[in-house]
Amino acid sequence: MDDKKNIENVLFQEREQLKITLESMNKNAKYDAVITDLMINGNVGGKEAIQLLLEIDPNAKVLVSSSYSMDPVVANFKDYGFKGCIIKPFKIEDQKKDLSEVLNNN
């Protein structure tokens, strides 16, 4: 299997998903929450995505996901506008808990 090709496919899908999310938000379609990775090589990462999402919806519930727990954005996620943080690797139960907390807090 070609890892580089797989990575390129994932990046393309991430870029397209962000585009769909932004277009939907512009059309007043609402998402309960958005989870974005902090770093996406060659693409818009979480730090940039949060700015775009909050311009469209200042009340957006956005969580940042990363394996870099010491990164300033992750360590101080609320300062950047994120409502929650998911550290990788994670168990699905932990992700569910983190997402529930964000969804249940206004």
C-alpha atoms as a PDB file:
ATOM      1  CA  MET A   1       0.000   0.000   0.000  1.00  0.00           C
ATOM      2  CA  ASP A   2       1.224   3.470  -0.790  1.00  0.00           C
ATOM      3  CA  ASP A   3       1.167   5.474   2.453  1.00  0.00           C
ATOM      4  CA  LYS A   4       1.713   8.782   0.694  1.00  0.00           C
ATOM      5  CA  LYS A   5      -1.296   8.204  -1.542  1.00  0.00           C
ATOM      6  CA  ASN A   6      -3.431   7.229   1.468  1.00  0.00           C
ATOM      7  CA  ILE A   7      -2.369  10.387   3.308  1.00  0.00           C
ATOM      8  CA  GLU A   8      -3.144  12.514   0.262  1.00  0.00           C
ATOM      9  CA  ASN A   9      -6.612  10.936   0.086  1.00  0.00           C
ATOM     10  CA  VAL A  10      -7.266  11.666   3.759  1.00  0.00           C
ATOM     11  CA  LEU A  11      -6.106  15.275   3.354  1.00  0.00           C
ATOM     12  CA  PHE A  12      -8.350  15.705   0.334  1.00  0.00           C
ATOM     13  CA  GLN A  13     -11.296  14.319   2.289  1.00  0.00           C
ATOM     14  CA  GLU A  14     -10.537  16.624   5.245  1.00  0.00           C
ATOM     15  CA  ARG A  15     -10.355  19.655   2.953  1.00  0.00           C
ATOM     16  CA  GLU A  16     -13.615  18.709   1.268  1.00  0.00           C
ATOM     17  CA  GLN A  17     -15.322  18.108   4.638  1.00  0.00           C
ATOM     18  CA  LEU A  18     -14.263  21.559   5.902  1.00  0.00           C
ATOM     19  CA  LYS A  19     -15.562  23.081   2.665  1.00  0.00           C
ATOM     20  CA  ILE A  20     -18.903  21.264   3.075  1.00  0.00           C
ATOM     21  CA  THR A  21     -19.102  22.304   6.730  1.00  0.00           C
ATOM     22  CA  LEU A  22     -18.461  25.968   5.931  1.00  0.00           C
ATOM     23  CA  GLU A  23     -20.902  25.941   3.013  1.00  0.00           C
ATOM     24  CA  SER A  24     -23.585  24.309   5.159  1.00  0.00           C
ATOM     25  CA  MET A  25     -23.072  26.833   7.936  1.00  0.00           C
ATOM     26  CA  ASN A  26     -23.362  29.636   5.386  1.00  0.00           C
ATOM     27  CA  LYS A  27     -26.725  28.170   4.364  1.00  0.00           C
ATOM     28  CA  ASN A  28     -27.871  28.234   7.990  1.00  0.00           C
ATOM     29  CA  ALA A  29     -27.579  24.452   8.314  1.00  0.00           C
ATOM     30  CA  LYS A  30     -26.504  23.710  11.861  1.00  0.00           C
ATOM     31  CA  TYR A  31     -24.127  21.167  13.284  1.00  0.00           C
ATOM     32  CA  ASP A  32     -24.278  20.140  16.910  1.00  0.00           C
ATOM     33  CA  ALA A  33     -20.473  20.192  17.075  1.00  0.00           C
ATOM     34  CA  VAL A  34     -17.353  20.083  14.933  1.00  0.00           C
ATOM     35  CA  ILE A  35     -14.171  18.150  15.747  1.00  0.00           C
ATOM     36  CA  THR A  36     -11.080  19.345  13.916  1.00  0.00           C
ATOM     37  CA  ASP A  37      -7.523  18.120  14.013  1.00  0.00           C
ATOM     38  CA  LEU A  38      -4.980  20.675  15.154  1.00  0.00           C
ATOM     39  CA  MET A  39      -2.523  19.923  12.368  1.00  0.00           C
ATOM     40  CA  ILE A  40      -3.291  18.817   8.852  1.00  0.00           C
ATOM     41  CA  ASN A  41      -0.190  18.847   6.668  1.00  0.00           C
ATOM     42  CA  GLY A  42      -0.661  21.046   3.624  1.00  0.00           C
ATOM     43  CA  ASN A  43      -4.164  22.034   4.633  1.00  0.00           C
ATOM     44  CA  VAL A  44      -6.149  24.213   6.974  1.00  0.00           C
ATOM     45  CA  GLY A  45      -5.588  22.955  10.512  1.00  0.00           C
ATOM     46  CA  GLY A  46      -7.633  23.486  13.636  1.00  0.00           C
ATOM     47  CA  LYS A  47      -6.166  26.872  14.548  1.00  0.00           C
ATOM     48  CA  GLU A  48      -7.186  28.295  11.181  1.00  0.00           C
ATOM     49  CA  ALA A  49     -10.457  26.357  10.960  1.00  0.00           C
ATOM     50  CA  ILE A  50     -11.724  27.688  14.315  1.00  0.00           C
ATOM     51  CA  GLN A  51     -11.338  31.251  13.073  1.00  0.00           C
ATOM     52  CA  LEU A  52     -13.373  30.494   9.940  1.00  0.00           C
ATOM     53  CA  LEU A  53     -16.053  28.603  11.858  1.00  0.00           C
ATOM     54  CA  LEU A  54     -16.440  31.300  14.526  1.00  0.00           C
ATOM     55  CA  GLU A  55     -16.773  33.995  11.859  1.00  0.00           C
ATOM     56  CA  ILE A  56     -19.807  32.129  10.545  1.00  0.00           C
ATOM     57  CA  ASP A  57     -21.196  31.086  13.924  1.00  0.00           C
ATOM     58  CA  PRO A  58     -19.727  32.706  17.053  1.00  0.00           C
ATOM     59  CA  ASN A  59     -21.538  30.077  19.148  1.00  0.00           C
ATOM     60  CA  ALA A  60     -20.110  27.081  17.260  1.00  0.00           C
ATOM     61  CA  LYS A  61     -19.134  24.174  19.485  1.00  0.00           C
ATOM     62  CA  VAL A  62     -15.755  23.168  18.118  1.00  0.00           C
ATOM     63  CA  LEU A  63     -13.382  20.645  19.671  1.00  0.00           C
ATOM     64  CA  VAL A  64      -9.711  20.384  18.761  1.00  0.00           C
ATOM     65  CA  SER A  65      -8.114  16.963  18.434  1.00  0.00           C
ATOM     66  CA  SER A  66      -4.369  16.381  18.627  1.00  0.00           C
ATOM     67  CA  SER A  67      -1.631  14.105  19.895  1.00  0.00           C
ATOM     68  CA  TYR A  68       0.419  17.187  20.808  1.00  0.00           C
ATOM     69  CA  SER A  69      -0.855  17.755  24.340  1.00  0.00           C
ATOM     70  CA  MET A  70       1.863  20.338  25.059  1.00  0.00           C
ATOM     71  CA  ASP A  71       1.032  22.496  22.031  1.00  0.00           C
ATOM     72  CA  PRO A  72      -0.081  25.961  23.210  1.00  0.00           C
ATOM     73  CA  VAL A  73      -3.344  25.711  21.249  1.00  0.00           C
ATOM     74  CA  VAL A  74      -4.187  22.381  22.886  1.00  0.00           C
ATOM     75  CA  ALA A  75      -3.033  23.412  26.361  1.00  0.00           C
ATOM     76  CA  ASN A  76      -5.065  26.652  26.161  1.00  0.00           C
ATOM     77  CA  PHE A  77      -7.825  25.559  23.777  1.00  0.00           C
ATOM     78  CA  LYS A  78     -10.447  27.905  25.249  1.00  0.00           C
ATOM     79  CA  ASP A  79      -8.225  30.918  24.509  1.00  0.00           C
ATOM     80  CA  TYR A  80      -8.527  30.033  20.825  1.00  0.00           C
ATOM     81  CA  GLY A  81     -12.303  29.600  20.875  1.00  0.00           C
ATOM     82  CA  PHE A  82     -12.488  25.823  21.172  1.00  0.00           C
ATOM     83  CA  LYS A  83     -15.083  24.394  23.549  1.00  0.00           C
ATOM     84  CA  GLY A  84     -13.231  21.138  24.153  1.00  0.00           C
ATOM     85  CA  CYS A  85     -10.120  19.132  23.462  1.00  0.00           C
ATOM     86  CA  ILE A  86      -9.595  15.476  22.571  1.00  0.00           C
ATOM     87  CA  ILE A  87      -6.069  14.117  23.035  1.00  0.00           C
ATOM     88  CA  LYS A  88      -4.947  11.286  20.752  1.00  0.00           C
ATOM     89  CA  PRO A  89      -4.780   8.423  21.012  1.00  0.00           C
ATOM     90  CA  PHE A  90      -8.181   8.246  22.600  1.00  0.00           C
ATOM     91  CA  LYS A  91     -10.719   5.626  23.463  1.00  0.00           C
ATOM     92  CA  ILE A  92     -14.166   6.018  21.964  1.00  0.00           C
ATOM     93  CA  GLU A  93     -15.605   6.275  25.491  1.00  0.00           C
ATOM     94  CA  ASP A  94     -13.347   9.266  26.205  1.00  0.00           C
ATOM     95  CA  GLN A  95     -14.303  10.941  22.946  1.00  0.00           C
ATOM     96  CA  LYS A  96     -17.980  10.369  23.696  1.00  0.00           C
ATOM     97  CA  LYS A  97     -17.551  11.895  27.171  1.00  0.00           C
ATOM     98  CA  ASP A  98     -15.690  14.952  25.850  1.00  0.00           C
ATOM     99  CA  LEU A  99     -18.241  15.511  23.104  1.00  0.00           C
ATOM    100  CA  SER A 100     -21.154  15.087  25.531  1.00  0.00           C
ATOM    101  CA  GLU A 101     -19.686  17.680  27.877  1.00  0.00           C
ATOM    102  CA  VAL A 102     -19.399  20.210  25.060  1.00  0.00           C
ATOM    103  CA  LEU A 103     -22.873  19.508  23.727  1.00  0.00           C
ATOM    104  CA  ASN A 104     -24.487  19.766  27.168  1.00  0.00           C
ATOM    105  CA  ASN A 105     -22.796  23.057  28.107  1.00  0.00           C
ATOM    106  CA  ASN A 106     -24.293  26.183  26.601  1.00  0.00           C
END
